[in-house]
Amino acid sequence: MPEPGTRVSVRPTEWQSSPGIEGQTTHDIVIVSVHESHDPRFAWVYGHGPDCSWPSADCAVPFCWELLVSVDVLAATAAGQRP
């Protein structure tokens, strides 16, 4: 799995907002942590949007995003096979 601080780009159908609810847009997420889910095809990803790291951002929460992300996408990201 990708390490904290890794940036992952997820496309529609590669993520879910909750079990069974497919994502409809592309998102870039800076990973805070990755956790198992009940569906072995997906893992819970906690993270921030890239804009949280801008100097003008004042993001004080532990994470801004909580998404189910395809484990295939996460594995490919960790292996350096995805931008």
C-alpha atoms as a PDB file:
ATOM      1  CA  MET A   1       0.000   0.000   0.000  1.00  0.00           C
ATOM      2  CA  PRO A   2       1.164   3.574  -0.588  1.00  0.00           C
ATOM      3  CA  GLU A   3       2.918   5.346   2.263  1.00  0.00           C
ATOM      4  CA  PRO A   4       1.473   8.427   3.986  1.00  0.00           C
ATOM      5  CA  GLY A   5       2.202  11.492   1.888  1.00  0.00           C
ATOM      6  CA  THR A   6       1.830   9.609  -1.403  1.00  0.00           C
ATOM      7  CA  ARG A   7      -0.368  11.319  -3.964  1.00  0.00           C
ATOM      8  CA  VAL A   8      -2.882   9.053  -5.694  1.00  0.00           C
ATOM      9  CA  SER A   9      -5.181  10.002  -8.548  1.00  0.00           C
ATOM     10  CA  VAL A  10      -8.474   8.121  -8.643  1.00  0.00           C
ATOM     11  CA  ARG A  11     -10.770   8.140 -11.653  1.00  0.00           C
ATOM     12  CA  PRO A  12     -14.520   7.479 -11.784  1.00  0.00           C
ATOM     13  CA  THR A  13     -15.341   3.845 -10.870  1.00  0.00           C
ATOM     14  CA  GLU A  14     -11.980   3.455  -9.059  1.00  0.00           C
ATOM     15  CA  TRP A  15     -13.403   4.806  -5.808  1.00  0.00           C
ATOM     16  CA  GLN A  16     -16.602   4.830  -3.774  1.00  0.00           C
ATOM     17  CA  SER A  17     -17.908   7.436  -1.352  1.00  0.00           C
ATOM     18  CA  SER A  18     -19.543   4.630   0.620  1.00  0.00           C
ATOM     19  CA  PRO A  19     -19.992   0.921  -0.113  1.00  0.00           C
ATOM     20  CA  GLY A  20     -21.749   0.487  -3.455  1.00  0.00           C
ATOM     21  CA  ILE A  21     -21.787   4.216  -4.369  1.00  0.00           C
ATOM     22  CA  GLU A  22     -19.315   4.644  -7.245  1.00  0.00           C
ATOM     23  CA  GLY A  23     -17.402   7.870  -7.650  1.00  0.00           C
ATOM     24  CA  GLN A  24     -18.298  10.039 -10.616  1.00  0.00           C
ATOM     25  CA  THR A  25     -15.282  12.366 -10.802  1.00  0.00           C
ATOM     26  CA  THR A  26     -11.490  12.271 -10.728  1.00  0.00           C
ATOM     27  CA  HIS A  27      -9.754  13.204  -7.470  1.00  0.00           C
ATOM     28  CA  ASP A  28      -6.149  13.651  -6.408  1.00  0.00           C
ATOM     29  CA  ILE A  29      -5.615  12.643  -2.799  1.00  0.00           C
ATOM     30  CA  VAL A  30      -2.553  12.916  -0.583  1.00  0.00           C
ATOM     31  CA  ILE A  31      -2.750   9.802   1.591  1.00  0.00           C
ATOM     32  CA  VAL A  32      -2.807  10.073   5.374  1.00  0.00           C
ATOM     33  CA  SER A  33      -3.577   6.387   6.007  1.00  0.00           C
ATOM     34  CA  VAL A  34      -5.025   3.254   4.387  1.00  0.00           C
ATOM     35  CA  HIS A  35      -7.322   0.784   6.167  1.00  0.00           C
ATOM     36  CA  GLU A  36      -9.005  -2.505   5.273  1.00  0.00           C
ATOM     37  CA  SER A  37     -12.683  -2.579   4.355  1.00  0.00           C
ATOM     38  CA  HIS A  38     -15.257  -5.370   4.322  1.00  0.00           C
ATOM     39  CA  ASP A  39     -14.903  -5.577   0.532  1.00  0.00           C
ATOM     40  CA  PRO A  40     -11.459  -6.980  -0.352  1.00  0.00           C
ATOM     41  CA  ARG A  41     -11.502  -5.044  -3.674  1.00  0.00           C
ATOM     42  CA  PHE A  42     -11.426  -1.705  -1.831  1.00  0.00           C
ATOM     43  CA  ALA A  43      -9.565  -0.087   1.067  1.00  0.00           C
ATOM     44  CA  TRP A  44     -10.538   2.970   3.095  1.00  0.00           C
ATOM     45  CA  VAL A  45      -8.227   5.869   2.313  1.00  0.00           C
ATOM     46  CA  TYR A  46      -8.019   8.891   4.582  1.00  0.00           C
ATOM     47  CA  GLY A  47      -6.336  11.864   3.007  1.00  0.00           C
ATOM     48  CA  HIS A  48      -6.217  15.491   1.986  1.00  0.00           C
ATOM     49  CA  GLY A  49      -6.696  17.247  -1.301  1.00  0.00           C
ATOM     50  CA  PRO A  50      -3.517  18.719  -2.797  1.00  0.00           C
ATOM     51  CA  ASP A  51      -4.855  22.212  -2.014  1.00  0.00           C
ATOM     52  CA  CYS A  52      -4.505  21.503   1.733  1.00  0.00           C
ATOM     53  CA  SER A  53      -0.731  21.825   1.335  1.00  0.00           C
ATOM     54  CA  TRP A  54      -0.842  25.315  -0.186  1.00  0.00           C
ATOM     55  CA  PRO A  55       0.794  27.964   2.006  1.00  0.00           C
ATOM     56  CA  SER A  56      -2.545  29.814   2.231  1.00  0.00           C
ATOM     57  CA  ALA A  57      -4.404  26.681   3.408  1.00  0.00           C
ATOM     58  CA  ASP A  58      -5.098  26.271   7.097  1.00  0.00           C
ATOM     59  CA  CYS A  59      -6.266  22.655   7.228  1.00  0.00           C
ATOM     60  CA  ALA A  60      -6.311  21.640  10.874  1.00  0.00           C
ATOM     61  CA  VAL A  61      -8.292  18.401  10.554  1.00  0.00           C
ATOM     62  CA  PRO A  62      -6.596  14.983  10.495  1.00  0.00           C
ATOM     63  CA  PHE A  63      -8.038  14.239   7.032  1.00  0.00           C
ATOM     64  CA  CYS A  64     -10.459  15.853   4.568  1.00  0.00           C
ATOM     65  CA  TRP A  65     -11.326  12.809   2.457  1.00  0.00           C
ATOM     66  CA  GLU A  66     -12.542   9.356   3.454  1.00  0.00           C
ATOM     67  CA  LEU A  67     -12.993   7.190   0.377  1.00  0.00           C
ATOM     68  CA  LEU A  68     -13.030   3.550  -0.590  1.00  0.00           C
ATOM     69  CA  VAL A  69     -10.317   3.165  -3.229  1.00  0.00           C
ATOM     70  CA  SER A  70      -9.606   0.157  -5.434  1.00  0.00           C
ATOM     71  CA  VAL A  71      -6.756  -1.902  -3.968  1.00  0.00           C
ATOM     72  CA  ASP A  72      -5.487  -2.420  -7.544  1.00  0.00           C
ATOM     73  CA  VAL A  73      -5.100   1.365  -7.903  1.00  0.00           C
ATOM     74  CA  LEU A  74      -3.363   1.610  -4.525  1.00  0.00           C
ATOM     75  CA  ALA A  75      -0.993  -1.272  -5.345  1.00  0.00           C
ATOM     76  CA  ALA A  76      -0.135   0.208  -8.745  1.00  0.00           C
ATOM     77  CA  THR A  77       0.508   3.607  -7.121  1.00  0.00           C
ATOM     78  CA  ALA A  78       2.769   2.044  -4.475  1.00  0.00           C
ATOM     79  CA  ALA A  79       4.687   0.193  -7.228  1.00  0.00           C
ATOM     80  CA  GLY A  80       5.197   3.430  -9.167  1.00  0.00           C
ATOM     81  CA  GLN A  81       3.058   2.213 -12.063  1.00  0.00           C
ATOM     82  CA  ARG A  82       0.565   5.101 -11.886  1.00  0.00           C
ATOM     83  CA  PRO A  83       1.128   8.836 -11.892  1.00  0.00           C
END
